[in-house]
Amino acid sequence: MRSDRYRIIDQFVRRLVGDTGGNAMLFMALAIPTLIGGAGLAVDFSQWYVWKHELQLATDQAAMGAAWARTDPHTQDNYQTRGSQDYYANLAVTSSFANAPTISLSDYSNGNDNSVVVTATATKALPFSSFITGKS
């Protein structure tokens, strides 16, 4: 009786291996998650790139505005205010989740406080990546 079961299972497996009718369905079942994952990562990367580019532009403009303010004796002490104004004026997409910039003076080459450094961060969850990883 036990050998009959094995014989039936063996016949079923041989028939299944020899059947080529469902190959396209199997390939589609394997390909669709890969296609959806690739599209999701492409959308996430595009959003991340736009956010990074905008934040870089805003910090560059803030540094230039603060540096110009440092060159004028009347606004020399207000360089942080001018830098912040230029930073916020150049945010559009990231304005709701970008953090306030840090604007400070730094030493460049052999000088003292002769350059402006602006740093800023932004954290937001990407739709597909945060679904997979659970992180921003």
N, C-alpha and C. Protein backbone atom coordinates (compact mmCIF):
# COMPACT_ATOMS: atom_id res chain seq x y z
N MET A 1 0.82 -1.18 0.00
CA MET A 1 0.00 0.00 0.00
C MET A 1 0.88 1.25 0.00
N ARG A 2 1.94 1.17 0.75
CA ARG A 2 2.83 2.32 0.81
C ARG A 2 3.52 2.54 -0.53
N SER A 3 3.92 1.49 -1.20
CA SER A 3 4.56 1.62 -2.49
C SER A 3 3.60 2.17 -3.54
N ASP A 4 2.29 1.91 -3.38
CA ASP A 4 1.31 2.47 -4.31
C ASP A 4 1.26 3.99 -4.19
N ARG A 5 1.35 4.48 -2.96
CA ARG A 5 1.36 5.93 -2.77
C ARG A 5 2.58 6.56 -3.43
N TYR A 6 3.73 5.96 -3.21
CA TYR A 6 4.95 6.50 -3.81
C TYR A 6 4.89 6.43 -5.33
N ARG A 7 4.30 5.37 -5.85
CA ARG A 7 4.16 5.23 -7.29
C ARG A 7 3.24 6.32 -7.84
N ILE A 8 2.16 6.61 -7.14
CA ILE A 8 1.22 7.65 -7.58
C ILE A 8 1.88 9.02 -7.52
N ILE A 9 2.62 9.29 -6.45
CA ILE A 9 3.34 10.56 -6.32
C ILE A 9 4.40 10.67 -7.40
N ASP A 10 5.12 9.58 -7.64
CA ASP A 10 6.16 9.57 -8.67
C ASP A 10 5.55 9.86 -10.05
N GLN A 11 4.43 9.26 -10.36
CA GLN A 11 3.76 9.50 -11.64
C GLN A 11 3.30 10.97 -11.74
N PHE A 12 2.78 11.49 -10.66
CA PHE A 12 2.32 12.88 -10.66
C PHE A 12 3.48 13.84 -10.90
N VAL A 13 4.60 13.62 -10.21
CA VAL A 13 5.77 14.49 -10.36
C VAL A 13 6.32 14.38 -11.78
N ARG A 14 6.40 13.18 -12.34
CA ARG A 14 6.90 13.02 -13.72
C ARG A 14 5.99 13.74 -14.72
N ARG A 15 4.69 13.62 -14.51
CA ARG A 15 3.75 14.29 -15.40
C ARG A 15 3.88 15.81 -15.25
N LEU A 16 4.07 16.31 -14.02
CA LEU A 16 4.21 17.75 -13.76
C LEU A 16 5.48 18.30 -14.39
N VAL A 17 6.58 17.56 -14.27
CA VAL A 17 7.86 17.99 -14.84
C VAL A 17 7.77 18.03 -16.36
N GLY A 18 7.09 17.09 -16.94
CA GLY A 18 6.99 17.03 -18.40
C GLY A 18 6.00 18.02 -18.99
N ASP A 19 5.13 18.62 -18.17
CA ASP A 19 4.13 19.57 -18.67
C ASP A 19 4.76 20.94 -18.86
N THR A 20 4.61 21.52 -20.05
CA THR A 20 5.16 22.84 -20.34
C THR A 20 4.07 23.89 -20.52
N GLY A 21 2.85 23.59 -20.19
CA GLY A 21 1.74 24.51 -20.42
C GLY A 21 1.74 25.72 -19.51
N GLY A 22 2.32 25.68 -18.32
CA GLY A 22 2.27 26.79 -17.37
C GLY A 22 3.56 27.57 -17.24
N ASN A 23 4.48 27.41 -18.18
CA ASN A 23 5.78 28.09 -18.08
C ASN A 23 5.65 29.60 -18.11
N ALA A 24 4.81 30.13 -18.98
CA ALA A 24 4.65 31.58 -19.07
C ALA A 24 4.08 32.14 -17.77
N MET A 25 3.14 31.43 -17.19
CA MET A 25 2.54 31.88 -15.94
C MET A 25 3.59 31.87 -14.82
N LEU A 26 4.44 30.88 -14.80
CA LEU A 26 5.49 30.81 -13.78
C LEU A 26 6.47 31.97 -13.94
N PHE A 27 6.88 32.24 -15.17
CA PHE A 27 7.80 33.35 -15.40
C PHE A 27 7.16 34.68 -15.03
N MET A 28 5.90 34.87 -15.33
CA MET A 28 5.21 36.11 -14.96
C MET A 28 5.10 36.23 -13.44
N ALA A 29 4.81 35.13 -12.79
CA ALA A 29 4.70 35.16 -11.32
C ALA A 29 6.03 35.54 -10.68
N LEU A 30 7.12 35.15 -11.30
CA LEU A 30 8.44 35.51 -10.77
C LEU A 30 8.85 36.93 -11.19
N ALA A 31 8.41 37.37 -12.36
CA ALA A 31 8.86 38.66 -12.88
C ALA A 31 8.08 39.85 -12.32
N ILE A 32 6.81 39.68 -12.02
CA ILE A 32 5.98 40.82 -11.59
C ILE A 32 6.48 41.44 -10.28
N PRO A 33 6.83 40.68 -9.24
CA PRO A 33 7.37 41.33 -8.04
C PRO A 33 8.67 42.09 -8.31
N THR A 34 9.50 41.55 -9.19
CA THR A 34 10.74 42.24 -9.54
C THR A 34 10.44 43.54 -10.28
N LEU A 35 9.49 43.50 -11.18
CA LEU A 35 9.10 44.70 -11.92
C LEU A 35 8.51 45.76 -10.99
N ILE A 36 7.65 45.37 -10.10
CA ILE A 36 7.04 46.31 -9.15
C ILE A 36 8.11 46.87 -8.21
N GLY A 37 9.00 46.02 -7.72
CA GLY A 37 10.09 46.49 -6.85
C GLY A 37 11.00 47.47 -7.55
N GLY A 38 11.36 47.19 -8.80
CA GLY A 38 12.22 48.09 -9.56
C GLY A 38 11.55 49.43 -9.80
N ALA A 39 10.27 49.41 -10.13
CA ALA A 39 9.54 50.66 -10.35
C ALA A 39 9.44 51.46 -9.05
N GLY A 40 9.19 50.78 -7.94
CA GLY A 40 9.10 51.46 -6.65
C GLY A 40 10.42 52.11 -6.26
N LEU A 41 11.51 51.39 -6.46
CA LEU A 41 12.83 51.95 -6.14
C LEU A 41 13.18 53.11 -7.07
N ALA A 42 12.76 53.04 -8.33
CA ALA A 42 13.01 54.15 -9.26
C ALA A 42 12.26 55.41 -8.82
N VAL A 43 11.03 55.26 -8.39
CA VAL A 43 10.26 56.41 -7.92
C VAL A 43 10.90 56.99 -6.65
N ASP A 44 11.29 56.13 -5.72
CA ASP A 44 11.95 56.59 -4.50
C ASP A 44 13.25 57.32 -4.80
N PHE A 45 14.05 56.76 -5.69
CA PHE A 45 15.33 57.40 -6.04
C PHE A 45 15.08 58.76 -6.67
N SER A 46 14.08 58.87 -7.52
CA SER A 46 13.76 60.15 -8.17
C SER A 46 13.38 61.20 -7.13
N GLN A 47 12.53 60.81 -6.19
CA GLN A 47 12.14 61.76 -5.14
C GLN A 47 13.33 62.15 -4.29
N TRP A 48 14.13 61.19 -3.89
CA TRP A 48 15.31 61.48 -3.07
C TRP A 48 16.26 62.43 -3.81
N TYR A 49 16.45 62.22 -5.09
CA TYR A 49 17.35 63.05 -5.87
C TYR A 49 16.83 64.49 -5.95
N VAL A 50 15.54 64.66 -6.16
CA VAL A 50 14.97 66.02 -6.21
C VAL A 50 15.14 66.71 -4.87
N TRP A 51 14.86 65.99 -3.79
CA TRP A 51 15.00 66.58 -2.45
C TRP A 51 16.45 66.97 -2.18
N LYS A 52 17.38 66.09 -2.51
CA LYS A 52 18.80 66.36 -2.28
C LYS A 52 19.26 67.56 -3.11
N HIS A 53 18.84 67.60 -4.35
CA HIS A 53 19.23 68.71 -5.22
C HIS A 53 18.68 70.04 -4.70
N GLU A 54 17.43 70.05 -4.28
CA GLU A 54 16.85 71.29 -3.77
C GLU A 54 17.52 71.74 -2.48
N LEU A 55 17.82 70.81 -1.59
CA LEU A 55 18.49 71.16 -0.34
C LEU A 55 19.90 71.68 -0.61
N GLN A 56 20.59 71.09 -1.58
CA GLN A 56 21.92 71.56 -1.95
C GLN A 56 21.85 72.98 -2.51
N LEU A 57 20.88 73.24 -3.38
CA LEU A 57 20.71 74.58 -3.94
C LEU A 57 20.42 75.60 -2.84
N ALA A 58 19.53 75.25 -1.91
CA ALA A 58 19.16 76.18 -0.84
C ALA A 58 20.35 76.48 0.07
N THR A 59 21.15 75.48 0.40
CA THR A 59 22.31 75.74 1.26
C THR A 59 23.38 76.54 0.52
N ASP A 60 23.55 76.28 -0.78
CA ASP A 60 24.52 77.08 -1.55
C ASP A 60 24.09 78.54 -1.62
N GLN A 61 22.82 78.78 -1.86
CA GLN A 61 22.32 80.16 -1.93
C GLN A 61 22.42 80.85 -0.57
N ALA A 62 22.17 80.09 0.50
CA ALA A 62 22.29 80.66 1.85
C ALA A 62 23.74 81.06 2.14
N ALA A 63 24.67 80.22 1.72
CA ALA A 63 26.09 80.53 1.94
C ALA A 63 26.51 81.77 1.14
N MET A 64 26.03 81.85 -0.09
CA MET A 64 26.37 83.03 -0.90
C MET A 64 25.74 84.30 -0.33
N GLY A 65 24.49 84.22 0.10
CA GLY A 65 23.83 85.39 0.69
C GLY A 65 24.51 85.83 1.98
N ALA A 66 24.88 84.87 2.81
CA ALA A 66 25.57 85.21 4.06
C ALA A 66 26.95 85.79 3.78
N ALA A 67 27.64 85.26 2.79
CA ALA A 67 28.96 85.78 2.44
C ALA A 67 28.86 87.22 1.91
N TRP A 68 27.85 87.50 1.10
CA TRP A 68 27.65 88.87 0.62
C TRP A 68 27.33 89.80 1.78
N ALA A 69 26.54 89.32 2.72
CA ALA A 69 26.22 90.15 3.88
C ALA A 69 27.48 90.45 4.70
N ARG A 70 28.41 89.53 4.75
CA ARG A 70 29.65 89.74 5.50
C ARG A 70 30.53 90.80 4.83
N THR A 71 30.38 91.04 3.54
CA THR A 71 31.23 92.01 2.85
C THR A 71 30.80 93.45 3.10
N ASP A 72 29.55 93.65 3.53
CA ASP A 72 29.04 95.00 3.77
C ASP A 72 29.14 95.31 5.26
N PRO A 73 29.80 96.39 5.65
CA PRO A 73 29.95 96.72 7.08
C PRO A 73 28.61 96.91 7.80
N HIS A 74 27.56 97.36 7.07
CA HIS A 74 26.26 97.58 7.70
C HIS A 74 25.53 96.27 8.03
N THR A 75 25.78 95.23 7.25
CA THR A 75 25.07 93.95 7.46
C THR A 75 26.01 92.84 7.91
N GLN A 76 27.22 93.19 8.24
CA GLN A 76 28.25 92.20 8.57
C GLN A 76 27.83 91.29 9.73
N ASP A 77 27.18 91.85 10.73
CA ASP A 77 26.80 91.06 11.89
C ASP A 77 25.48 90.30 11.69
N ASN A 78 24.77 90.59 10.62
CA ASN A 78 23.48 89.95 10.35
C ASN A 78 23.57 88.89 9.26
N TYR A 79 24.75 88.33 9.06
CA TYR A 79 24.93 87.36 7.98
C TYR A 79 24.07 86.11 8.17
N GLN A 80 23.82 85.70 9.42
CA GLN A 80 23.00 84.51 9.65
C GLN A 80 21.55 84.75 9.24
N THR A 81 21.05 85.94 9.50
CA THR A 81 19.68 86.28 9.11
C THR A 81 19.56 86.26 7.59
N ARG A 82 20.51 86.87 6.92
CA ARG A 82 20.49 86.90 5.44
C ARG A 82 20.62 85.49 4.87
N GLY A 83 21.48 84.68 5.45
CA GLY A 83 21.63 83.30 5.00
C GLY A 83 20.35 82.50 5.18
N SER A 84 19.69 82.67 6.32
CA SER A 84 18.43 81.97 6.56
C SER A 84 17.34 82.42 5.58
N GLN A 85 17.30 83.71 5.29
CA GLN A 85 16.31 84.21 4.33
C GLN A 85 16.52 83.58 2.95
N ASP A 86 17.76 83.52 2.52
CA ASP A 86 18.04 82.92 1.21
C ASP A 86 17.78 81.42 1.22
N TYR A 87 18.05 80.78 2.33
CA TYR A 87 17.78 79.33 2.44
C TYR A 87 16.29 79.06 2.27
N TYR A 88 15.46 79.73 3.04
CA TYR A 88 14.02 79.48 2.98
C TYR A 88 13.40 79.95 1.67
N ALA A 89 13.99 80.95 1.04
CA ALA A 89 13.47 81.44 -0.24
C ALA A 89 13.68 80.42 -1.36
N ASN A 90 14.64 79.53 -1.20
CA ASN A 90 14.95 78.55 -2.24
C ASN A 90 14.40 77.16 -1.97
N LEU A 91 13.59 77.01 -0.95
CA LEU A 91 12.94 75.72 -0.69
C LEU A 91 11.55 75.73 -1.29
N ALA A 92 11.18 74.65 -1.93
CA ALA A 92 9.82 74.51 -2.47
C ALA A 92 9.27 73.15 -2.07
N VAL A 93 9.86 72.10 -2.59
CA VAL A 93 9.38 70.74 -2.34
C VAL A 93 9.69 70.30 -0.92
N THR A 94 10.85 70.67 -0.40
CA THR A 94 11.29 70.21 0.92
C THR A 94 10.95 71.18 2.04
N SER A 95 10.22 72.23 1.76
CA SER A 95 9.96 73.26 2.77
C SER A 95 9.20 72.74 3.98
N SER A 96 8.40 71.71 3.81
CA SER A 96 7.59 71.22 4.93
C SER A 96 8.36 70.27 5.85
N PHE A 97 9.49 69.73 5.39
CA PHE A 97 10.20 68.77 6.25
C PHE A 97 11.71 69.04 6.37
N ALA A 98 12.20 70.10 5.77
CA ALA A 98 13.62 70.44 5.91
C ALA A 98 13.85 71.13 7.25
N ASN A 99 14.95 70.82 7.88
CA ASN A 99 15.29 71.43 9.17
C ASN A 99 15.92 72.80 8.95
N ALA A 100 15.95 73.59 10.00
CA ALA A 100 16.57 74.91 9.93
C ALA A 100 18.07 74.76 9.66
N PRO A 101 18.63 75.67 8.88
CA PRO A 101 20.05 75.55 8.55
C PRO A 101 20.94 75.99 9.72
N THR A 102 22.14 75.47 9.73
CA THR A 102 23.17 75.91 10.66
C THR A 102 24.15 76.76 9.86
N ILE A 103 24.26 78.04 10.22
CA ILE A 103 25.11 78.96 9.48
C ILE A 103 26.20 79.45 10.43
N SER A 104 27.43 79.21 10.04
CA SER A 104 28.55 79.59 10.91
C SER A 104 29.73 80.07 10.07
N LEU A 105 30.66 80.70 10.74
CA LEU A 105 31.89 81.15 10.10
C LEU A 105 32.97 80.09 10.31
N SER A 106 33.86 80.02 9.36
CA SER A 106 34.93 79.03 9.43
C SER A 106 36.22 79.65 8.92
N ASP A 107 37.31 79.03 9.28
CA ASP A 107 38.62 79.49 8.81
C ASP A 107 38.95 78.79 7.50
N TYR A 108 39.33 79.58 6.51
CA TYR A 108 39.74 79.03 5.23
C TYR A 108 41.17 79.44 4.96
N SER A 109 41.99 78.52 4.55
CA SER A 109 43.40 78.74 4.28
C SER A 109 44.07 79.29 5.55
N ASN A 110 44.65 80.47 5.49
CA ASN A 110 45.32 81.04 6.66
C ASN A 110 44.51 82.12 7.33
N GLY A 111 43.26 82.33 6.90
CA GLY A 111 42.44 83.40 7.46
C GLY A 111 41.66 82.96 8.68
N ASN A 112 41.03 83.93 9.33
CA ASN A 112 40.19 83.67 10.49
C ASN A 112 38.77 84.12 10.17
N ASP A 113 37.83 83.23 10.34
CA ASP A 113 36.41 83.53 10.08
C ASP A 113 36.21 84.18 8.71
N ASN A 114 36.84 83.63 7.69
CA ASN A 114 36.77 84.22 6.36
C ASN A 114 35.92 83.40 5.37
N SER A 115 35.17 82.45 5.87
CA SER A 115 34.26 81.70 5.01
C SER A 115 32.99 81.36 5.77
N VAL A 116 31.92 81.15 5.01
CA VAL A 116 30.62 80.83 5.61
C VAL A 116 30.31 79.36 5.30
N VAL A 117 29.90 78.66 6.34
CA VAL A 117 29.52 77.25 6.19
C VAL A 117 28.05 77.11 6.54
N VAL A 118 27.29 76.51 5.63
CA VAL A 118 25.86 76.29 5.85
C VAL A 118 25.60 74.79 5.73
N THR A 119 24.96 74.24 6.74
CA THR A 119 24.56 72.83 6.70
C THR A 119 23.07 72.73 7.01
N ALA A 120 22.43 71.76 6.38
CA ALA A 120 21.01 71.54 6.60
C ALA A 120 20.69 70.07 6.35
N THR A 121 19.66 69.59 7.00
CA THR A 121 19.22 68.22 6.81
C THR A 121 17.71 68.18 6.60
N ALA A 122 17.27 67.08 6.02
CA ALA A 122 15.84 66.85 5.82
C ALA A 122 15.60 65.36 5.95
N THR A 123 14.54 65.00 6.64
CA THR A 123 14.20 63.59 6.81
C THR A 123 12.72 63.40 6.51
N LYS A 124 12.47 62.49 5.59
CA LYS A 124 11.10 62.15 5.25
C LYS A 124 11.08 60.74 4.71
N ALA A 125 10.03 60.02 4.99
CA ALA A 125 9.93 58.64 4.53
C ALA A 125 9.63 58.60 3.04
N LEU A 126 10.37 57.78 2.32
CA LEU A 126 10.08 57.53 0.92
C LEU A 126 9.01 56.44 0.85
N PRO A 127 8.07 56.54 -0.07
CA PRO A 127 6.92 55.64 -0.05
C PRO A 127 7.26 54.16 -0.15
N PHE A 128 8.05 53.76 -1.12
CA PHE A 128 8.32 52.33 -1.32
C PHE A 128 9.36 51.82 -0.34
N SER A 129 10.47 52.55 -0.20
CA SER A 129 11.55 52.11 0.69
C SER A 129 11.10 52.02 2.14
N SER A 130 10.30 52.98 2.58
CA SER A 130 9.84 52.93 3.97
C SER A 130 8.85 51.79 4.19
N PHE A 131 8.14 51.41 3.15
CA PHE A 131 7.24 50.25 3.24
C PHE A 131 8.05 48.98 3.44
N ILE A 132 9.18 48.89 2.75
CA ILE A 132 10.03 47.70 2.84
C ILE A 132 10.86 47.71 4.13
N THR A 133 11.52 48.85 4.42
CA THR A 133 12.44 48.90 5.55
C THR A 133 11.81 49.40 6.84
N GLY A 134 10.75 50.17 6.74
CA GLY A 134 10.12 50.74 7.94
C GLY A 134 10.86 51.96 8.48
N LYS A 135 11.79 52.54 7.69
CA LYS A 135 12.58 53.68 8.14
C LYS A 135 12.42 54.84 7.18
N SER A 136 12.78 56.05 7.67
CA SER A 136 12.79 57.24 6.79
C SER A 136 14.07 57.29 6.01
